[in-house]
């Protein structure tokens, strides 16, 4: 599945790997029940709830998406430690080229294995754990299989990450949507 990248990214979201539904559709976080898109909107990172097939709009909002591992699986626990470690090295190479302000890894268990950080927790990682000099924030996996986190909880963690890194997503929203030929949100915004 191709990455969603652009210049001057504020946040590069890194999923674990494509699920079978996402791989089939060609869109990140496409399975119904995945909370990625609703959480982005609830955190005001998008002006309205985007559908997975609108992922091409993200770079205009300062957001991008990649995966640690390209191989599609039904569940992330089907990946090997070697695949995750190799994915961590490939991700570091992407970060050296694209230089986002922050790397947001979606899944603490995969992050722990990919970067040999067994004690990592959700939230900001220590400065010495930056990947290719890009600060890391670990977020909950938004998969519907992760019942421990709600959309509201994931959105709160996204807002915390943006506040910590001085990211004001609303500043790009209306302008970038009009530049891309997409309908901007109503002035009052839309609710989730």
C-alpha atoms as a PDB file:
ATOM      1  CA  UNK A   1       0.000   0.000   0.000  1.00  0.00           C
ATOM      2  CA  UNK A   2       1.515   3.363  -0.935  1.00  0.00           C
ATOM      3  CA  UNK A   3       2.522   5.862   1.719  1.00  0.00           C
ATOM      4  CA  UNK A   4       0.634   9.134   2.020  1.00  0.00           C
ATOM      5  CA  UNK A   5       3.400  11.736   2.147  1.00  0.00           C
ATOM      6  CA  UNK A   6       4.021  15.349   1.291  1.00  0.00           C
ATOM      7  CA  UNK A   7       6.335  18.224   2.116  1.00  0.00           C
ATOM      8  CA  UNK A   8       6.410  19.940   5.498  1.00  0.00           C
ATOM      9  CA  UNK A   9       4.502  17.305   7.443  1.00  0.00           C
ATOM     10  CA  UNK A  10       3.627  18.096  11.018  1.00  0.00           C
ATOM     11  CA  UNK A  11       2.763  14.484  11.881  1.00  0.00           C
ATOM     12  CA  UNK A  12       3.687  11.256  10.146  1.00  0.00           C
ATOM     13  CA  UNK A  13       1.373   8.518  11.424  1.00  0.00           C
ATOM     14  CA  UNK A  14       2.933   5.081  11.320  1.00  0.00           C
ATOM     15  CA  UNK A  15       0.576   2.138  11.439  1.00  0.00           C
ATOM     16  CA  UNK A  16       1.778  -1.369  12.147  1.00  0.00           C
ATOM     17  CA  UNK A  17       0.851  -2.957   8.811  1.00  0.00           C
ATOM     18  CA  UNK A  18      -2.140  -3.015   6.476  1.00  0.00           C
ATOM     19  CA  UNK A  19      -5.032  -5.195   7.459  1.00  0.00           C
ATOM     20  CA  UNK A  20      -6.520  -7.401   4.776  1.00  0.00           C
ATOM     21  CA  UNK A  21      -9.426  -5.013   4.153  1.00  0.00           C
ATOM     22  CA  UNK A  22      -7.132  -1.999   3.847  1.00  0.00           C
ATOM     23  CA  UNK A  23      -4.815  -3.870   1.485  1.00  0.00           C
ATOM     24  CA  UNK A  24      -7.804  -4.893  -0.643  1.00  0.00           C
ATOM     25  CA  UNK A  25      -9.175  -1.323  -0.749  1.00  0.00           C
ATOM     26  CA  UNK A  26      -5.791   0.373  -1.170  1.00  0.00           C
ATOM     27  CA  UNK A  27      -6.572   2.826   1.636  1.00  0.00           C
ATOM     28  CA  UNK A  28      -5.062   3.110   5.092  1.00  0.00           C
ATOM     29  CA  UNK A  29      -7.254   2.319   8.120  1.00  0.00           C
ATOM     30  CA  UNK A  30     -10.126   1.388   5.788  1.00  0.00           C
ATOM     31  CA  UNK A  31     -11.848  -1.354   7.772  1.00  0.00           C
ATOM     32  CA  UNK A  32     -15.182  -0.278   9.228  1.00  0.00           C
ATOM     33  CA  UNK A  33     -14.746  -0.011  12.974  1.00  0.00           C
ATOM     34  CA  UNK A  34     -11.206   1.367  12.782  1.00  0.00           C
ATOM     35  CA  UNK A  35     -11.096   4.535  14.870  1.00  0.00           C
ATOM     36  CA  UNK A  36      -8.271   6.340  13.051  1.00  0.00           C
ATOM     37  CA  UNK A  37     -10.422   8.621  10.882  1.00  0.00           C
ATOM     38  CA  UNK A  38     -13.016   9.419  13.597  1.00  0.00           C
ATOM     39  CA  UNK A  39     -10.225  10.147  16.103  1.00  0.00           C
ATOM     40  CA  UNK A  40      -8.469  12.526  13.678  1.00  0.00           C
ATOM     41  CA  UNK A  41     -11.689  14.454  13.286  1.00  0.00           C
ATOM     42  CA  UNK A  42     -12.556  14.374  17.005  1.00  0.00           C
ATOM     43  CA  UNK A  43      -9.092  15.826  17.707  1.00  0.00           C
ATOM     44  CA  UNK A  44      -9.709  18.623  15.145  1.00  0.00           C
ATOM     45  CA  UNK A  45      -6.911  17.378  12.909  1.00  0.00           C
ATOM     46  CA  UNK A  46      -9.359  17.234  10.001  1.00  0.00           C
ATOM     47  CA  UNK A  47     -12.162  19.736   9.328  1.00  0.00           C
ATOM     48  CA  UNK A  48     -14.705  16.951   8.876  1.00  0.00           C
ATOM     49  CA  UNK A  49     -14.765  13.187   9.128  1.00  0.00           C
ATOM     50  CA  UNK A  50     -12.737  11.979   6.158  1.00  0.00           C
ATOM     51  CA  UNK A  51     -13.336   8.647   4.481  1.00  0.00           C
ATOM     52  CA  UNK A  52     -10.321   6.399   3.908  1.00  0.00           C
ATOM     53  CA  UNK A  53     -10.517   7.077   0.154  1.00  0.00           C
ATOM     54  CA  UNK A  54      -9.865  10.747   0.937  1.00  0.00           C
ATOM     55  CA  UNK A  55      -6.435   9.983   2.427  1.00  0.00           C
ATOM     56  CA  UNK A  56      -4.857  12.041  -0.380  1.00  0.00           C
ATOM     57  CA  UNK A  57      -6.135  15.178   1.404  1.00  0.00           C
ATOM     58  CA  UNK A  58      -3.975  14.576   4.480  1.00  0.00           C
ATOM     59  CA  UNK A  59      -0.665  16.066   3.255  1.00  0.00           C
ATOM     60  CA  UNK A  60      -2.448  19.389   2.692  1.00  0.00           C
ATOM     61  CA  UNK A  61      -3.335  19.263   6.387  1.00  0.00           C
ATOM     62  CA  UNK A  62       0.267  18.540   7.378  1.00  0.00           C
ATOM     63  CA  UNK A  63      -0.414  14.839   7.971  1.00  0.00           C
ATOM     64  CA  UNK A  64       0.979  11.668   6.405  1.00  0.00           C
ATOM     65  CA  UNK A  65       0.649   7.914   6.793  1.00  0.00           C
ATOM     66  CA  UNK A  66       3.077   5.034   6.462  1.00  0.00           C
ATOM     67  CA  UNK A  67       3.383   1.536   7.947  1.00  0.00           C
ATOM     68  CA  UNK A  68       6.139  -0.300   9.781  1.00  0.00           C
ATOM     69  CA  UNK A  69       5.595  -3.425   7.669  1.00  0.00           C
ATOM     70  CA  UNK A  70       4.113  -3.602   4.179  1.00  0.00           C
ATOM     71  CA  UNK A  71       2.807  -7.174   4.421  1.00  0.00           C
ATOM     72  CA  UNK A  72      -0.954  -7.366   4.946  1.00  0.00           C
ATOM     73  CA  UNK A  73      -2.254  -9.646   7.694  1.00  0.00           C
ATOM     74  CA  UNK A  74      -5.560 -10.271   9.445  1.00  0.00           C
ATOM     75  CA  UNK A  75      -3.948  -9.375  12.796  1.00  0.00           C
ATOM     76  CA  UNK A  76      -0.784  -7.481  13.673  1.00  0.00           C
ATOM     77  CA  UNK A  77       0.378 -10.297  15.954  1.00  0.00           C
ATOM     78  CA  UNK A  78       0.989 -12.383  12.807  1.00  0.00           C
ATOM     79  CA  UNK A  79       4.106 -10.290  12.101  1.00  0.00           C
ATOM     80  CA  UNK A  80       7.511 -11.516  13.188  1.00  0.00           C
ATOM     81  CA  UNK A  81       9.934  -9.589  15.364  1.00  0.00           C
ATOM     82  CA  UNK A  82      12.345  -9.559  12.399  1.00  0.00           C
ATOM     83  CA  UNK A  83       9.719  -7.948  10.152  1.00  0.00           C
ATOM     84  CA  UNK A  84       9.065  -5.265  12.750  1.00  0.00           C
ATOM     85  CA  UNK A  85      12.792  -4.569  13.289  1.00  0.00           C
ATOM     86  CA  UNK A  86      13.363  -4.318   9.512  1.00  0.00           C
ATOM     87  CA  UNK A  87      10.348  -2.013   9.340  1.00  0.00           C
ATOM     88  CA  UNK A  88      11.876   0.207  12.022  1.00  0.00           C
ATOM     89  CA  UNK A  89      15.048   0.570   9.957  1.00  0.00           C
ATOM     90  CA  UNK A  90      13.042   1.372   6.803  1.00  0.00           C
ATOM     91  CA  UNK A  91      10.992   3.925   8.741  1.00  0.00           C
ATOM     92  CA  UNK A  92      14.162   5.656   9.947  1.00  0.00           C
ATOM     93  CA  UNK A  93      15.271   5.997   6.316  1.00  0.00           C
ATOM     94  CA  UNK A  94      11.907   7.596   5.386  1.00  0.00           C
ATOM     95  CA  UNK A  95      12.194  10.010   8.290  1.00  0.00           C
ATOM     96  CA  UNK A  96      15.630  11.161   7.149  1.00  0.00           C
ATOM     97  CA  UNK A  97      14.070  12.142   3.804  1.00  0.00           C
ATOM     98  CA  UNK A  98      10.679  13.560   4.875  1.00  0.00           C
ATOM     99  CA  UNK A  99      11.553  15.124   8.283  1.00  0.00           C
ATOM    100  CA  UNK A 100       8.089  15.461   9.897  1.00  0.00           C
ATOM    101  CA  UNK A 101       7.850  17.436  13.137  1.00  0.00           C
ATOM    102  CA  UNK A 102       6.748  14.309  15.018  1.00  0.00           C
ATOM    103  CA  UNK A 103       6.412  10.589  14.334  1.00  0.00           C
ATOM    104  CA  UNK A 104       3.178   9.149  15.746  1.00  0.00           C
ATOM    105  CA  UNK A 105       3.424   5.359  16.013  1.00  0.00           C
ATOM    106  CA  UNK A 106       0.018   3.693  16.276  1.00  0.00           C
ATOM    107  CA  UNK A 107       0.592   0.706  18.518  1.00  0.00           C
ATOM    108  CA  UNK A 108       2.805   0.422  21.566  1.00  0.00           C
ATOM    109  CA  UNK A 109       3.559  -3.296  21.240  1.00  0.00           C
ATOM    110  CA  UNK A 110       4.797  -2.942  17.660  1.00  0.00           C
ATOM    111  CA  UNK A 111       6.848   0.128  18.631  1.00  0.00           C
ATOM    112  CA  UNK A 112       8.475  -1.794  21.486  1.00  0.00           C
ATOM    113  CA  UNK A 113       9.502  -4.606  19.158  1.00  0.00           C
ATOM    114  CA  UNK A 114      10.512  -2.491  16.136  1.00  0.00           C
ATOM    115  CA  UNK A 115      12.787  -0.215  18.157  1.00  0.00           C
ATOM    116  CA  UNK A 116      13.807  -2.518  21.032  1.00  0.00           C
ATOM    117  CA  UNK A 117      12.078  -0.332  23.625  1.00  0.00           C
ATOM    118  CA  UNK A 118      10.427  -2.932  25.898  1.00  0.00           C
ATOM    119  CA  UNK A 119       9.326  -0.385  28.498  1.00  0.00           C
ATOM    120  CA  UNK A 120       7.741   2.130  26.120  1.00  0.00           C
ATOM    121  CA  UNK A 121       4.310   3.465  27.061  1.00  0.00           C
ATOM    122  CA  UNK A 122       1.630   5.441  25.266  1.00  0.00           C
ATOM    123  CA  UNK A 123       2.666   9.078  25.017  1.00  0.00           C
ATOM    124  CA  UNK A 124       5.866  10.992  24.296  1.00  0.00           C
ATOM    125  CA  UNK A 125       9.061   8.984  24.168  1.00  0.00           C
ATOM    126  CA  UNK A 126      12.297  10.277  25.702  1.00  0.00           C
ATOM    127  CA  UNK A 127      14.364  12.566  23.460  1.00  0.00           C
ATOM    128  CA  UNK A 128      17.106   9.934  23.253  1.00  0.00           C
ATOM    129  CA  UNK A 129      14.577   7.567  21.617  1.00  0.00           C
ATOM    130  CA  UNK A 130      13.973   9.874  18.659  1.00  0.00           C
ATOM    131  CA  UNK A 131      14.067   8.051  15.317  1.00  0.00           C
ATOM    132  CA  UNK A 132      16.382   9.732  12.794  1.00  0.00           C
ATOM    133  CA  UNK A 133      16.255  12.797  15.072  1.00  0.00           C
ATOM    134  CA  UNK A 134      12.447  12.973  14.820  1.00  0.00           C
ATOM    135  CA  UNK A 135      10.595  12.966  18.161  1.00  0.00           C
ATOM    136  CA  UNK A 136       8.303   9.983  18.731  1.00  0.00           C
ATOM    137  CA  UNK A 137       4.857   9.870  20.264  1.00  0.00           C
ATOM    138  CA  UNK A 138       3.306   6.442  20.713  1.00  0.00           C
ATOM    139  CA  UNK A 139      -0.462   6.340  20.260  1.00  0.00           C
ATOM    140  CA  UNK A 140      -2.939   3.541  20.858  1.00  0.00           C
ATOM    141  CA  UNK A 141      -3.635   1.233  17.950  1.00  0.00           C
ATOM    142  CA  UNK A 142      -6.966   2.496  16.488  1.00  0.00           C
ATOM    143  CA  UNK A 143      -8.015  -0.967  15.295  1.00  0.00           C
ATOM    144  CA  UNK A 144     -11.430  -2.104  16.412  1.00  0.00           C
ATOM    145  CA  UNK A 145      -9.618  -5.092  17.933  1.00  0.00           C
ATOM    146  CA  UNK A 146      -8.058  -2.776  20.543  1.00  0.00           C
ATOM    147  CA  UNK A 147     -10.959  -2.517  22.973  1.00  0.00           C
ATOM    148  CA  UNK A 148      -8.906  -0.730  25.643  1.00  0.00           C
ATOM    149  CA  UNK A 149      -9.096   2.659  23.906  1.00  0.00           C
ATOM    150  CA  UNK A 150     -12.163   4.559  22.720  1.00  0.00           C
ATOM    151  CA  UNK A 151     -12.237   7.074  19.886  1.00  0.00           C
ATOM    152  CA  UNK A 152     -12.552   9.810  22.503  1.00  0.00           C
ATOM    153  CA  UNK A 153      -9.475   8.541  24.355  1.00  0.00           C
ATOM    154  CA  UNK A 154      -7.399   8.318  21.169  1.00  0.00           C
ATOM    155  CA  UNK A 155      -8.520  11.845  20.192  1.00  0.00           C
ATOM    156  CA  UNK A 156      -7.473  13.158  23.605  1.00  0.00           C
ATOM    157  CA  UNK A 157      -4.016  11.644  23.137  1.00  0.00           C
ATOM    158  CA  UNK A 158      -3.797  13.207  19.651  1.00  0.00           C
ATOM    159  CA  UNK A 159      -4.671  16.638  21.098  1.00  0.00           C
ATOM    160  CA  UNK A 160      -2.040  16.164  23.809  1.00  0.00           C
ATOM    161  CA  UNK A 161       0.566  15.313  21.154  1.00  0.00           C
ATOM    162  CA  UNK A 162      -0.335  18.370  19.061  1.00  0.00           C
ATOM    163  CA  UNK A 163      -0.199  20.678  22.083  1.00  0.00           C
ATOM    164  CA  UNK A 164       3.203  19.318  23.124  1.00  0.00           C
ATOM    165  CA  UNK A 165       4.633  19.919  19.643  1.00  0.00           C
ATOM    166  CA  UNK A 166       2.985  23.280  18.956  1.00  0.00           C
ATOM    167  CA  UNK A 167       0.862  21.873  16.150  1.00  0.00           C
ATOM    168  CA  UNK A 168      -2.229  23.964  15.479  1.00  0.00           C
ATOM    169  CA  UNK A 169      -4.069  21.900  12.864  1.00  0.00           C
ATOM    170  CA  UNK A 170      -6.900  24.358  12.363  1.00  0.00           C
ATOM    171  CA  UNK A 171      -4.471  26.858  10.816  1.00  0.00           C
ATOM    172  CA  UNK A 172      -4.059  24.774   7.641  1.00  0.00           C
ATOM    173  CA  UNK A 173      -7.538  23.312   7.357  1.00  0.00           C
ATOM    174  CA  UNK A 174      -9.716  25.736   5.373  1.00  0.00           C
ATOM    175  CA  UNK A 175      -6.920  26.930   3.087  1.00  0.00           C
ATOM    176  CA  UNK A 176      -5.594  23.481   2.245  1.00  0.00           C
ATOM    177  CA  UNK A 177      -9.035  22.059   1.457  1.00  0.00           C
ATOM    178  CA  UNK A 178      -9.828  24.911  -0.921  1.00  0.00           C
ATOM    179  CA  UNK A 179      -6.405  24.590  -2.598  1.00  0.00           C
ATOM    180  CA  UNK A 180      -7.052  20.878  -3.196  1.00  0.00           C
ATOM    181  CA  UNK A 181     -10.477  21.503  -4.713  1.00  0.00           C
ATOM    182  CA  UNK A 182     -12.272  19.816  -1.844  1.00  0.00           C
ATOM    183  CA  UNK A 183     -15.251  21.313  -0.154  1.00  0.00           C
ATOM    184  CA  UNK A 184     -14.156  23.124   2.996  1.00  0.00           C
ATOM    185  CA  UNK A 185     -16.083  22.528   6.179  1.00  0.00           C
ATOM    186  CA  UNK A 186     -18.873  24.922   7.163  1.00  0.00           C
ATOM    187  CA  UNK A 187     -17.692  27.874   9.210  1.00  0.00           C
ATOM    188  CA  UNK A 188     -19.039  26.396  12.417  1.00  0.00           C
ATOM    189  CA  UNK A 189     -17.415  23.029  11.715  1.00  0.00           C
ATOM    190  CA  UNK A 190     -19.160  19.692  11.839  1.00  0.00           C
ATOM    191  CA  UNK A 191     -19.572  17.475  14.807  1.00  0.00           C
ATOM    192  CA  UNK A 192     -18.324  13.907  14.924  1.00  0.00           C
END
